[in-house]
Amino acid sequence: MKTPLRSRSIARNQSGMTLIEMLVASLMSVIIVGASCSMLISAIRDQPALSKKAQNVTTARYQLERMVREIRNGVQVESASPSTVTFVARVRRVACGGAVQTNPSAEPVQCRITYNCSDKTCTRTEATPEGIAVGATTIAASGIGSTEVFCFAPSSGEDPSQCGPAENPEAATYIGVSLEVPNPEGPGLLTISDGATLRSATFGIPADSSS
C-alpha cells in the first residue's frame, strides 16, 4: 500500500535535533557553565588578597608622601644611616613640637626632625635646633618589612651620585626613602620608593639662615 503524497510531504518537512546533536549541545553547555563558575570562584577567592595589597600600597604611599614632603623642606642632614636620619627642616608650626601654624603670613620655624626605623615601625621625633626634644614621638610608618629605609646622595659608593650610604651626612643633599610592605599574593615584599632633594641644596640657602 502506497503512502499518500500529502503524508510523505509532511514527513519530509518536519525538522528537529537528533539525539547526538542534543548530547553535543548539552555537553558544550556544561563546559561553558563550568568554566564560568570556575572563573567566578577564582575571582572571589583572590579578591581579599587584591584588596589587602591595594590597602598596603595606599597606606605606604601616604606614609611615604608625608616623609618626603618634610625632607623636601630640609635644611641640612646631621646624621644618617639606613635606618635613622636626623635633619633640620622648616616646618609650619608655631614652635617646634607645638601646634600647626594657621597664619599664612608667618614664616616656618626650623626644627630638628629624627626618623628612626626599628621593629617594623618608623617613628618621628621633633626637637629644637639645639637638640632639645619637644612634643610626642609619633609613628611615621608601620608594618614595614625592612628597617633599611634611607639612602643618601652624595653617597660613599663608587658613583657618589647614586643613592646609598652617606659618606658625610652634612654634605648630603638628597634623601631617598623605600618602604617595604607585605605582599598578600606571595612571600615577597612590595617596595614603594621616593625621595627628595633638600630645598636648601636646591636654592643654595645656608643652613644657619633664617626664613
N, C-alpha and C. Protein backbone atom coordinates (compact mmCIF):
# COMPACT_ATOMS: atom_id res chain seq x y z
N MET A 1 0.83 -1.20 0.00
CA MET A 1 0.00 0.00 0.00
C MET A 1 0.87 1.25 0.00
N LYS A 2 0.63 2.13 -0.86
CA LYS A 2 1.44 3.34 -1.00
C LYS A 2 0.97 4.42 -0.03
N THR A 3 2.02 5.17 0.55
CA THR A 3 1.70 6.29 1.44
C THR A 3 1.17 7.45 0.62
N PRO A 4 0.13 8.02 1.06
CA PRO A 4 -0.41 9.16 0.31
C PRO A 4 0.64 10.24 0.15
N LEU A 5 0.55 10.98 -0.95
CA LEU A 5 1.52 12.05 -1.27
C LEU A 5 1.53 13.12 -0.20
N ARG A 6 0.40 13.47 0.37
CA ARG A 6 0.32 14.53 1.40
C ARG A 6 1.08 14.11 2.64
N SER A 7 0.98 12.82 3.06
CA SER A 7 1.68 12.34 4.26
C SER A 7 3.17 12.35 4.06
N ARG A 8 3.65 11.94 2.86
CA ARG A 8 5.10 11.94 2.60
C ARG A 8 5.63 13.36 2.62
N SER A 9 4.88 14.36 2.16
CA SER A 9 5.32 15.75 2.14
C SER A 9 5.46 16.29 3.55
N ILE A 10 4.52 15.96 4.45
CA ILE A 10 4.60 16.42 5.84
C ILE A 10 5.79 15.81 6.54
N ALA A 11 6.06 14.53 6.29
CA ALA A 11 7.20 13.86 6.93
C ALA A 11 8.51 14.49 6.50
N ARG A 12 8.65 14.85 5.22
CA ARG A 12 9.90 15.45 4.75
C ARG A 12 10.09 16.85 5.33
N ASN A 13 9.02 17.61 5.64
CA ASN A 13 9.12 18.98 6.12
C ASN A 13 9.35 19.07 7.63
N GLN A 14 9.20 17.98 8.38
CA GLN A 14 9.42 18.02 9.82
C GLN A 14 10.91 18.18 10.12
N SER A 15 11.26 19.13 11.06
CA SER A 15 12.66 19.37 11.43
C SER A 15 12.83 19.24 12.93
N GLY A 16 14.08 19.03 13.43
CA GLY A 16 14.36 18.86 14.86
C GLY A 16 15.80 18.45 15.06
N MET A 17 16.16 18.15 16.34
CA MET A 17 17.52 17.75 16.68
C MET A 17 17.56 16.26 16.92
N THR A 18 18.61 15.67 16.44
CA THR A 18 18.80 14.25 16.69
C THR A 18 19.33 14.06 18.10
N LEU A 19 19.36 12.85 18.58
CA LEU A 19 19.86 12.56 19.92
C LEU A 19 21.33 12.94 20.07
N ILE A 20 22.11 12.70 19.03
CA ILE A 20 23.55 13.04 19.09
C ILE A 20 23.73 14.55 19.19
N GLU A 21 22.96 15.31 18.41
CA GLU A 21 23.06 16.76 18.47
C GLU A 21 22.67 17.29 19.84
N MET A 22 21.66 16.72 20.47
CA MET A 22 21.26 17.14 21.79
C MET A 22 22.34 16.84 22.81
N LEU A 23 22.99 15.69 22.69
CA LEU A 23 24.07 15.33 23.62
C LEU A 23 25.25 16.29 23.48
N VAL A 24 25.60 16.63 22.22
CA VAL A 24 26.72 17.56 21.99
C VAL A 24 26.40 18.94 22.55
N ALA A 25 25.17 19.42 22.31
CA ALA A 25 24.77 20.74 22.83
C ALA A 25 24.77 20.75 24.35
N SER A 26 24.30 19.66 24.96
CA SER A 26 24.28 19.58 26.42
C SER A 26 25.70 19.58 26.98
N LEU A 27 26.60 18.84 26.33
CA LEU A 27 27.99 18.78 26.79
C LEU A 27 28.66 20.15 26.69
N MET A 28 28.43 20.87 25.59
CA MET A 28 29.00 22.21 25.44
C MET A 28 28.46 23.17 26.49
N SER A 29 27.18 23.06 26.81
CA SER A 29 26.59 23.92 27.84
C SER A 29 27.22 23.65 29.20
N VAL A 30 27.43 22.38 29.51
CA VAL A 30 28.05 22.02 30.79
C VAL A 30 29.47 22.59 30.87
N ILE A 31 30.23 22.50 29.77
CA ILE A 31 31.60 23.01 29.75
C ILE A 31 31.62 24.52 29.95
N ILE A 32 30.74 25.23 29.25
CA ILE A 32 30.70 26.70 29.36
C ILE A 32 30.31 27.13 30.76
N VAL A 33 29.28 26.49 31.33
CA VAL A 33 28.84 26.84 32.69
C VAL A 33 29.94 26.52 33.70
N GLY A 34 30.61 25.38 33.52
CA GLY A 34 31.68 25.00 34.43
C GLY A 34 32.84 25.99 34.40
N ALA A 35 33.23 26.42 33.18
CA ALA A 35 34.31 27.39 33.05
C ALA A 35 33.94 28.73 33.68
N SER A 36 32.70 29.15 33.49
CA SER A 36 32.24 30.42 34.07
C SER A 36 32.25 30.35 35.59
N CYS A 37 31.78 29.25 36.15
CA CYS A 37 31.77 29.09 37.60
C CYS A 37 33.19 29.06 38.16
N SER A 38 34.10 28.41 37.44
CA SER A 38 35.50 28.35 37.89
C SER A 38 36.12 29.74 37.93
N MET A 39 35.87 30.55 36.89
CA MET A 39 36.41 31.91 36.86
C MET A 39 35.81 32.75 37.98
N LEU A 40 34.51 32.58 38.26
CA LEU A 40 33.85 33.35 39.32
C LEU A 40 34.41 32.98 40.69
N ILE A 41 34.60 31.68 40.93
CA ILE A 41 35.14 31.22 42.21
C ILE A 41 36.56 31.72 42.41
N SER A 42 37.36 31.69 41.33
CA SER A 42 38.75 32.17 41.41
C SER A 42 38.80 33.65 41.72
N ALA A 43 37.91 34.42 41.08
CA ALA A 43 37.89 35.87 41.33
C ALA A 43 37.48 36.17 42.77
N ILE A 44 36.49 35.44 43.29
CA ILE A 44 36.04 35.64 44.67
C ILE A 44 37.15 35.26 45.65
N ARG A 45 37.87 34.18 45.34
CA ARG A 45 38.94 33.72 46.23
C ARG A 45 40.11 34.70 46.25
N ASP A 46 40.42 35.33 45.11
CA ASP A 46 41.56 36.25 45.03
C ASP A 46 41.24 37.66 45.50
N GLN A 47 39.97 37.99 45.63
CA GLN A 47 39.59 39.36 45.96
C GLN A 47 40.15 39.86 47.30
N PRO A 48 40.11 39.05 48.38
CA PRO A 48 40.67 39.55 49.65
C PRO A 48 42.15 39.90 49.55
N ALA A 49 42.93 39.07 48.84
CA ALA A 49 44.36 39.36 48.69
C ALA A 49 44.59 40.62 47.87
N LEU A 50 43.80 40.80 46.82
CA LEU A 50 43.95 42.00 45.99
C LEU A 50 43.57 43.25 46.79
N SER A 51 42.51 43.15 47.58
CA SER A 51 42.09 44.29 48.40
C SER A 51 43.15 44.63 49.43
N LYS A 52 43.73 43.61 50.06
CA LYS A 52 44.77 43.83 51.06
C LYS A 52 46.01 44.44 50.43
N LYS A 53 46.36 43.97 49.23
CA LYS A 53 47.52 44.53 48.53
C LYS A 53 47.29 46.01 48.21
N ALA A 54 46.11 46.34 47.72
CA ALA A 54 45.80 47.74 47.41
C ALA A 54 45.85 48.59 48.67
N GLN A 55 45.35 48.04 49.79
CA GLN A 55 45.37 48.78 51.05
C GLN A 55 46.80 49.02 51.51
N ASN A 56 47.65 47.99 51.42
CA ASN A 56 49.05 48.13 51.83
C ASN A 56 49.76 49.19 51.00
N VAL A 57 49.56 49.16 49.69
CA VAL A 57 50.21 50.12 48.80
C VAL A 57 49.71 51.53 49.08
N THR A 58 48.40 51.69 49.26
CA THR A 58 47.85 53.02 49.53
C THR A 58 48.38 53.59 50.84
N THR A 59 48.43 52.76 51.87
CA THR A 59 48.94 53.22 53.17
C THR A 59 50.42 53.59 53.08
N ALA A 60 51.20 52.74 52.40
CA ALA A 60 52.63 53.02 52.26
C ALA A 60 52.89 54.30 51.48
N ARG A 61 52.12 54.52 50.42
CA ARG A 61 52.29 55.74 49.64
C ARG A 61 51.94 56.98 50.45
N TYR A 62 50.91 56.89 51.27
CA TYR A 62 50.53 58.03 52.11
C TYR A 62 51.63 58.33 53.13
N GLN A 63 52.14 57.29 53.78
CA GLN A 63 53.21 57.48 54.75
C GLN A 63 54.47 58.01 54.08
N LEU A 64 54.78 57.48 52.91
CA LEU A 64 55.97 57.91 52.19
C LEU A 64 55.85 59.37 51.76
N GLU A 65 54.68 59.77 51.31
CA GLU A 65 54.48 61.14 50.85
C GLU A 65 54.70 62.14 51.99
N ARG A 66 54.23 61.80 53.18
CA ARG A 66 54.41 62.69 54.33
C ARG A 66 55.89 62.84 54.67
N MET A 67 56.64 61.75 54.64
CA MET A 67 58.05 61.81 54.98
C MET A 67 58.83 62.60 53.93
N VAL A 68 58.54 62.35 52.66
CA VAL A 68 59.27 63.03 51.59
C VAL A 68 58.96 64.51 51.57
N ARG A 69 57.71 64.88 51.85
CA ARG A 69 57.35 66.29 51.88
C ARG A 69 58.15 67.05 52.95
N GLU A 70 58.37 66.41 54.08
CA GLU A 70 59.15 67.04 55.14
C GLU A 70 60.63 67.09 54.78
N ILE A 71 61.12 66.03 54.13
CA ILE A 71 62.52 66.02 53.69
C ILE A 71 62.76 67.14 52.68
N ARG A 72 61.80 67.38 51.82
CA ARG A 72 61.96 68.42 50.80
C ARG A 72 62.14 69.81 51.44
N ASN A 73 61.61 69.99 52.62
CA ASN A 73 61.78 71.25 53.33
C ASN A 73 63.02 71.25 54.23
N GLY A 74 63.88 70.26 54.05
CA GLY A 74 65.06 70.14 54.88
C GLY A 74 66.09 71.22 54.60
N VAL A 75 66.88 71.51 55.63
CA VAL A 75 67.95 72.49 55.54
C VAL A 75 69.31 71.81 55.51
N GLN A 76 69.50 70.85 56.42
CA GLN A 76 70.79 70.15 56.49
C GLN A 76 70.62 68.82 57.19
N VAL A 77 71.31 67.80 56.69
CA VAL A 77 71.33 66.49 57.34
C VAL A 77 72.40 66.51 58.42
N GLU A 78 72.06 65.99 59.59
CA GLU A 78 73.01 65.98 60.70
C GLU A 78 73.57 64.59 60.96
N SER A 79 72.75 63.56 60.85
CA SER A 79 73.23 62.18 61.00
C SER A 79 72.44 61.31 60.04
N ALA A 80 73.10 60.26 59.54
CA ALA A 80 72.46 59.46 58.50
C ALA A 80 72.90 58.01 58.59
N SER A 81 71.94 57.11 58.49
CA SER A 81 72.19 55.67 58.40
C SER A 81 71.01 55.06 57.66
N PRO A 82 71.11 53.80 57.24
CA PRO A 82 69.98 53.19 56.53
C PRO A 82 68.69 53.15 57.33
N SER A 83 68.77 53.14 58.66
CA SER A 83 67.56 53.04 59.48
C SER A 83 67.22 54.31 60.24
N THR A 84 68.12 55.29 60.27
CA THR A 84 67.88 56.52 61.03
C THR A 84 68.42 57.72 60.28
N VAL A 85 67.66 58.80 60.32
CA VAL A 85 68.14 60.05 59.74
C VAL A 85 67.67 61.21 60.62
N THR A 86 68.58 62.15 60.85
CA THR A 86 68.26 63.37 61.58
C THR A 86 68.63 64.56 60.72
N PHE A 87 67.69 65.48 60.56
CA PHE A 87 67.94 66.65 59.72
C PHE A 87 67.16 67.84 60.25
N VAL A 88 67.65 69.02 59.93
CA VAL A 88 66.95 70.26 60.29
C VAL A 88 66.04 70.62 59.13
N ALA A 89 64.80 70.93 59.43
CA ALA A 89 63.82 71.25 58.38
C ALA A 89 62.97 72.43 58.82
N ARG A 90 62.40 73.10 57.84
CA ARG A 90 61.46 74.18 58.11
C ARG A 90 60.05 73.59 58.17
N VAL A 91 59.38 73.79 59.28
CA VAL A 91 58.06 73.21 59.48
C VAL A 91 57.05 74.32 59.77
N ARG A 92 55.81 74.07 59.37
CA ARG A 92 54.74 75.05 59.59
C ARG A 92 54.14 74.82 60.97
N ARG A 93 54.84 75.31 61.98
CA ARG A 93 54.37 75.21 63.36
C ARG A 93 54.61 76.53 64.08
N VAL A 94 53.85 76.73 65.14
CA VAL A 94 54.06 77.92 65.97
C VAL A 94 55.43 77.85 66.61
N ALA A 95 55.81 76.66 67.07
CA ALA A 95 57.12 76.39 67.65
C ALA A 95 57.39 74.91 67.48
N CYS A 96 58.64 74.51 67.61
CA CYS A 96 58.98 73.09 67.47
C CYS A 96 58.19 72.27 68.48
N GLY A 97 57.50 71.26 68.00
CA GLY A 97 56.68 70.43 68.86
C GLY A 97 55.35 71.05 69.22
N GLY A 98 55.07 72.24 68.71
CA GLY A 98 53.83 72.94 69.05
C GLY A 98 52.73 72.71 68.04
N ALA A 99 51.75 73.59 68.06
CA ALA A 99 50.59 73.47 67.19
C ALA A 99 50.94 73.88 65.77
N VAL A 100 50.10 73.46 64.84
CA VAL A 100 50.29 73.81 63.43
C VAL A 100 50.05 75.30 63.25
N GLN A 101 50.91 75.93 62.48
CA GLN A 101 50.78 77.36 62.21
C GLN A 101 49.61 77.60 61.26
N THR A 102 48.65 78.41 61.69
CA THR A 102 47.48 78.70 60.87
C THR A 102 47.57 80.06 60.18
N ASN A 103 48.54 80.87 60.57
CA ASN A 103 48.71 82.19 59.95
C ASN A 103 49.51 82.02 58.65
N PRO A 104 48.90 82.24 57.49
CA PRO A 104 49.61 82.02 56.23
C PRO A 104 50.79 82.96 56.00
N SER A 105 50.81 84.09 56.69
CA SER A 105 51.91 85.03 56.50
C SER A 105 53.09 84.76 57.42
N ALA A 106 52.92 83.87 58.40
CA ALA A 106 54.00 83.56 59.34
C ALA A 106 55.05 82.68 58.66
N GLU A 107 56.31 82.90 59.01
CA GLU A 107 57.40 82.13 58.44
C GLU A 107 57.52 80.77 59.13
N PRO A 108 57.92 79.74 58.41
CA PRO A 108 58.16 78.43 59.04
C PRO A 108 59.30 78.54 60.05
N VAL A 109 59.30 77.61 61.01
CA VAL A 109 60.36 77.58 62.00
C VAL A 109 61.26 76.37 61.71
N GLN A 110 62.53 76.49 62.09
CA GLN A 110 63.47 75.39 61.89
C GLN A 110 63.45 74.48 63.10
N CYS A 111 63.27 73.18 62.83
CA CYS A 111 63.24 72.17 63.89
C CYS A 111 64.10 70.99 63.47
N ARG A 112 64.56 70.25 64.45
CA ARG A 112 65.35 69.05 64.18
C ARG A 112 64.41 67.84 64.17
N ILE A 113 64.39 67.16 63.04
CA ILE A 113 63.50 66.01 62.84
C ILE A 113 64.33 64.73 62.81
N THR A 114 63.89 63.73 63.54
CA THR A 114 64.57 62.42 63.54
C THR A 114 63.56 61.33 63.18
N TYR A 115 63.90 60.57 62.15
CA TYR A 115 63.15 59.36 61.80
C TYR A 115 63.99 58.16 62.20
N ASN A 116 63.43 57.29 63.01
CA ASN A 116 64.13 56.10 63.47
C ASN A 116 63.29 54.87 63.17
N CYS A 117 63.84 53.93 62.40
CA CYS A 117 63.09 52.75 61.96
C CYS A 117 63.65 51.50 62.65
N SER A 118 62.79 50.80 63.36
CA SER A 118 63.17 49.54 64.01
C SER A 118 61.91 48.74 64.29
N ASP A 119 62.06 47.42 64.25
CA ASP A 119 60.96 46.52 64.59
C ASP A 119 59.69 46.83 63.79
N LYS A 120 59.84 46.96 62.46
CA LYS A 120 58.74 47.14 61.52
C LYS A 120 58.02 48.48 61.66
N THR A 121 58.62 49.45 62.36
CA THR A 121 57.98 50.73 62.57
C THR A 121 59.00 51.86 62.46
N CYS A 122 58.59 52.96 61.82
CA CYS A 122 59.41 54.17 61.78
C CYS A 122 58.72 55.22 62.65
N THR A 123 59.48 55.78 63.59
CA THR A 123 58.94 56.82 64.45
C THR A 123 59.53 58.17 64.07
N ARG A 124 58.79 59.22 64.41
CA ARG A 124 59.23 60.59 64.13
C ARG A 124 59.31 61.35 65.44
N THR A 125 60.47 61.99 65.66
CA THR A 125 60.68 62.79 66.86
C THR A 125 61.07 64.20 66.44
N GLU A 126 60.50 65.17 67.11
CA GLU A 126 60.77 66.57 66.79
C GLU A 126 61.51 67.21 67.96
N ALA A 127 62.49 68.05 67.63
CA ALA A 127 63.28 68.73 68.67
C ALA A 127 63.61 70.13 68.19
N THR A 128 64.11 70.94 69.10
CA THR A 128 64.58 72.27 68.73
C THR A 128 65.89 72.13 67.96
N PRO A 129 66.33 73.17 67.26
CA PRO A 129 67.61 73.09 66.54
C PRO A 129 68.77 72.76 67.46
N GLU A 130 68.65 73.06 68.75
CA GLU A 130 69.72 72.74 69.71
C GLU A 130 69.66 71.28 70.17
N GLY A 131 68.62 70.55 69.79
CA GLY A 131 68.54 69.14 70.13
C GLY A 131 67.67 68.83 71.33
N ILE A 132 66.92 69.80 71.84
CA ILE A 132 66.02 69.56 72.98
C ILE A 132 64.72 68.96 72.47
N ALA A 133 64.43 67.72 72.86
CA ALA A 133 63.24 67.03 72.39
C ALA A 133 61.98 67.73 72.88
N VAL A 134 61.04 67.93 71.97
CA VAL A 134 59.77 68.57 72.30
C VAL A 134 58.65 67.78 71.61
N GLY A 135 57.49 67.83 72.19
CA GLY A 135 56.38 67.12 71.57
C GLY A 135 56.48 65.62 71.79
N ALA A 136 55.51 64.90 71.29
CA ALA A 136 55.45 63.45 71.45
C ALA A 136 56.04 62.74 70.24
N THR A 137 56.60 61.57 70.49
CA THR A 137 57.08 60.72 69.40
C THR A 137 55.88 60.09 68.70
N THR A 138 55.84 60.22 67.40
CA THR A 138 54.71 59.69 66.63
C THR A 138 55.19 58.61 65.66
N ILE A 139 54.26 57.78 65.22
CA ILE A 139 54.58 56.73 64.25
C ILE A 139 54.43 57.29 62.84
N ALA A 140 55.53 57.26 62.08
CA ALA A 140 55.51 57.77 60.71
C ALA A 140 55.16 56.68 59.71
N ALA A 141 55.55 55.45 59.98
CA ALA A 141 55.25 54.32 59.09
C ALA A 141 55.23 53.05 59.93
N SER A 142 54.33 52.14 59.59
CA SER A 142 54.22 50.90 60.35
C SER A 142 54.03 49.72 59.40
N GLY A 143 54.34 48.54 59.90
CA GLY A 143 54.17 47.33 59.10
C GLY A 143 55.20 47.15 58.01
N ILE A 144 56.36 47.79 58.12
CA ILE A 144 57.38 47.69 57.08
C ILE A 144 58.17 46.39 57.24
N GLY A 145 58.67 45.87 56.14
CA GLY A 145 59.38 44.59 56.16
C GLY A 145 60.86 44.71 56.37
N SER A 146 61.41 45.91 56.24
CA SER A 146 62.85 46.13 56.43
C SER A 146 63.07 47.48 57.07
N THR A 147 64.06 47.54 57.98
CA THR A 147 64.38 48.81 58.63
C THR A 147 65.42 49.60 57.85
N GLU A 148 65.94 49.06 56.76
CA GLU A 148 66.87 49.80 55.91
C GLU A 148 66.04 50.65 54.94
N VAL A 149 65.69 51.82 55.40
CA VAL A 149 64.71 52.66 54.71
C VAL A 149 65.36 53.79 53.93
N PHE A 150 66.46 54.35 54.44
CA PHE A 150 67.00 55.59 53.88
C PHE A 150 68.28 55.36 53.08
N CYS A 151 68.44 56.18 52.04
CA CYS A 151 69.70 56.25 51.29
C CYS A 151 69.98 57.72 51.00
N PHE A 152 71.22 58.02 50.64
CA PHE A 152 71.64 59.42 50.55
C PHE A 152 72.53 59.65 49.33
N ALA A 153 72.53 60.89 48.89
CA ALA A 153 73.45 61.31 47.82
C ALA A 153 73.91 62.72 48.15
N PRO A 154 75.21 62.98 47.96
CA PRO A 154 76.26 62.06 47.52
C PRO A 154 76.44 60.89 48.51
N SER A 155 76.81 59.75 47.95
CA SER A 155 76.95 58.54 48.76
C SER A 155 78.41 58.12 48.79
N SER A 156 78.67 57.07 49.57
CA SER A 156 80.02 56.53 49.66
C SER A 156 80.29 55.45 48.63
N GLY A 157 79.37 55.23 47.71
CA GLY A 157 79.54 54.21 46.68
C GLY A 157 80.51 54.63 45.59
N GLU A 158 80.72 53.74 44.63
CA GLU A 158 81.63 54.04 43.51
C GLU A 158 81.12 55.24 42.72
N ASP A 159 79.81 55.34 42.59
CA ASP A 159 79.21 56.51 41.93
C ASP A 159 78.50 57.34 43.00
N PRO A 160 79.11 58.43 43.46
CA PRO A 160 78.51 59.22 44.54
C PRO A 160 77.14 59.78 44.20
N SER A 161 76.81 59.87 42.92
CA SER A 161 75.51 60.42 42.55
C SER A 161 74.38 59.42 42.77
N GLN A 162 74.74 58.13 42.94
CA GLN A 162 73.73 57.11 43.20
C GLN A 162 73.40 57.07 44.68
N CYS A 163 72.12 56.91 45.00
CA CYS A 163 71.68 56.90 46.38
C CYS A 163 72.24 55.68 47.11
N GLY A 164 72.84 55.92 48.28
CA GLY A 164 73.44 54.84 49.05
C GLY A 164 73.83 55.33 50.43
N PRO A 165 74.72 54.61 51.11
CA PRO A 165 75.17 55.06 52.44
C PRO A 165 75.85 56.42 52.34
N ALA A 166 75.62 57.27 53.32
CA ALA A 166 76.18 58.62 53.30
C ALA A 166 77.63 58.59 53.76
N GLU A 167 78.51 59.15 52.95
CA GLU A 167 79.92 59.25 53.36
C GLU A 167 80.10 60.38 54.36
N ASN A 168 79.45 61.50 54.12
CA ASN A 168 79.47 62.65 55.01
C ASN A 168 78.04 63.16 55.13
N PRO A 169 77.36 62.85 56.23
CA PRO A 169 75.94 63.23 56.35
C PRO A 169 75.69 64.71 56.10
N GLU A 170 76.56 65.58 56.60
CA GLU A 170 76.32 67.01 56.45
C GLU A 170 76.42 67.47 55.01
N ALA A 171 77.06 66.67 54.16
CA ALA A 171 77.18 67.03 52.75
C ALA A 171 76.04 66.46 51.91
N ALA A 172 75.19 65.64 52.51
CA ALA A 172 74.10 65.01 51.76
C ALA A 172 73.08 66.06 51.33
N THR A 173 72.68 65.99 50.09
CA THR A 173 71.69 66.92 49.56
C THR A 173 70.41 66.20 49.13
N TYR A 174 70.45 64.87 49.12
CA TYR A 174 69.28 64.08 48.68
C TYR A 174 69.07 62.95 49.67
N ILE A 175 67.83 62.71 50.03
CA ILE A 175 67.46 61.59 50.90
C ILE A 175 66.42 60.75 50.17
N GLY A 176 66.72 59.48 49.98
CA GLY A 176 65.76 58.55 49.38
C GLY A 176 65.10 57.71 50.46
N VAL A 177 63.85 57.36 50.24
CA VAL A 177 63.08 56.58 51.21
C VAL A 177 62.44 55.39 50.49
N SER A 178 62.61 54.19 51.05
CA SER A 178 61.99 52.98 50.49
C SER A 178 61.27 52.23 51.60
N LEU A 179 59.99 52.01 51.42
CA LEU A 179 59.18 51.27 52.39
C LEU A 179 58.78 49.93 51.79
N GLU A 180 59.09 48.86 52.50
CA GLU A 180 58.71 47.52 52.06
C GLU A 180 57.51 47.05 52.88
N VAL A 181 56.46 46.67 52.17
CA VAL A 181 55.23 46.23 52.85
C VAL A 181 54.91 44.81 52.42
N PRO A 182 54.22 44.03 53.26
CA PRO A 182 53.90 42.64 52.92
C PRO A 182 53.07 42.54 51.65
N ASN A 183 53.35 41.48 50.89
CA ASN A 183 52.60 41.20 49.67
C ASN A 183 51.65 40.03 49.94
N PRO A 184 50.34 40.25 50.01
CA PRO A 184 49.40 39.16 50.30
C PRO A 184 49.39 38.07 49.25
N GLU A 185 49.90 38.35 48.06
CA GLU A 185 49.85 37.37 46.97
C GLU A 185 51.01 36.39 47.00
N GLY A 186 51.99 36.61 47.87
CA GLY A 186 53.14 35.72 47.89
C GLY A 186 54.06 36.03 49.05
N PRO A 187 55.19 35.32 49.12
CA PRO A 187 56.11 35.51 50.25
C PRO A 187 56.96 36.77 50.14
N GLY A 188 56.99 37.41 48.98
CA GLY A 188 57.83 38.58 48.79
C GLY A 188 57.24 39.84 49.41
N LEU A 189 57.95 40.96 49.19
CA LEU A 189 57.52 42.25 49.71
C LEU A 189 57.30 43.23 48.57
N LEU A 190 56.41 44.18 48.78
CA LEU A 190 56.19 45.26 47.83
C LEU A 190 57.02 46.46 48.28
N THR A 191 57.77 47.05 47.37
CA THR A 191 58.63 48.18 47.71
C THR A 191 58.07 49.46 47.09
N ILE A 192 57.85 50.46 47.93
CA ILE A 192 57.38 51.77 47.50
C ILE A 192 58.51 52.75 47.77
N SER A 193 59.01 53.42 46.75
CA SER A 193 60.20 54.27 46.89
C SER A 193 59.94 55.68 46.38
N ASP A 194 60.60 56.62 47.01
CA ASP A 194 60.58 58.02 46.59
C ASP A 194 61.73 58.71 47.29
N GLY A 195 61.87 59.99 47.07
CA GLY A 195 62.93 60.75 47.70
C GLY A 195 62.83 62.21 47.32
N ALA A 196 63.68 63.03 47.92
CA ALA A 196 63.63 64.46 47.64
C ALA A 196 64.99 65.08 47.90
N THR A 197 65.26 66.13 47.17
CA THR A 197 66.44 66.95 47.42
C THR A 197 66.09 68.02 48.43
N LEU A 198 66.98 68.22 49.40
CA LEU A 198 66.74 69.25 50.40
C LEU A 198 66.60 70.61 49.71
N ARG A 199 65.58 71.36 50.10
CA ARG A 199 65.31 72.63 49.45
C ARG A 199 66.47 73.60 49.60
N SER A 200 67.18 73.54 50.72
CA SER A 200 68.33 74.42 50.91
C SER A 200 69.41 74.13 49.88
N ALA A 201 69.53 72.84 49.49
CA ALA A 201 70.51 72.49 48.47
C ALA A 201 70.06 72.97 47.10
N THR A 202 68.76 72.98 46.87
CA THR A 202 68.23 73.42 45.57
C THR A 202 68.43 74.91 45.37
N PHE A 203 68.17 75.68 46.43
CA PHE A 203 68.24 77.14 46.31
C PHE A 203 69.52 77.73 46.90
N GLY A 204 70.39 76.89 47.43
CA GLY A 204 71.64 77.38 47.98
C GLY A 204 71.46 78.19 49.24
N ILE A 205 70.52 77.78 50.11
CA ILE A 205 70.27 78.51 51.34
C ILE A 205 71.24 78.04 52.40
N PRO A 206 71.97 78.88 53.06
CA PRO A 206 72.85 78.44 54.14
C PRO A 206 72.05 77.81 55.26
N ALA A 207 72.67 76.83 55.95
CA ALA A 207 71.96 76.11 57.00
C ALA A 207 71.56 77.00 58.16
N ASP A 208 72.34 78.08 58.44
CA ASP A 208 72.02 78.88 59.60
C ASP A 208 71.23 80.13 59.25
N SER A 209 70.71 80.20 57.99
CA SER A 209 69.94 81.38 57.60
C SER A 209 68.55 81.30 58.19
N SER A 210 67.93 82.41 58.40
CA SER A 210 66.58 82.44 58.92
C SER A 210 65.60 82.63 57.79
N SER A 211 64.40 82.08 57.94
CA SER A 211 63.40 82.16 56.89
C SER A 211 62.72 83.51 56.92
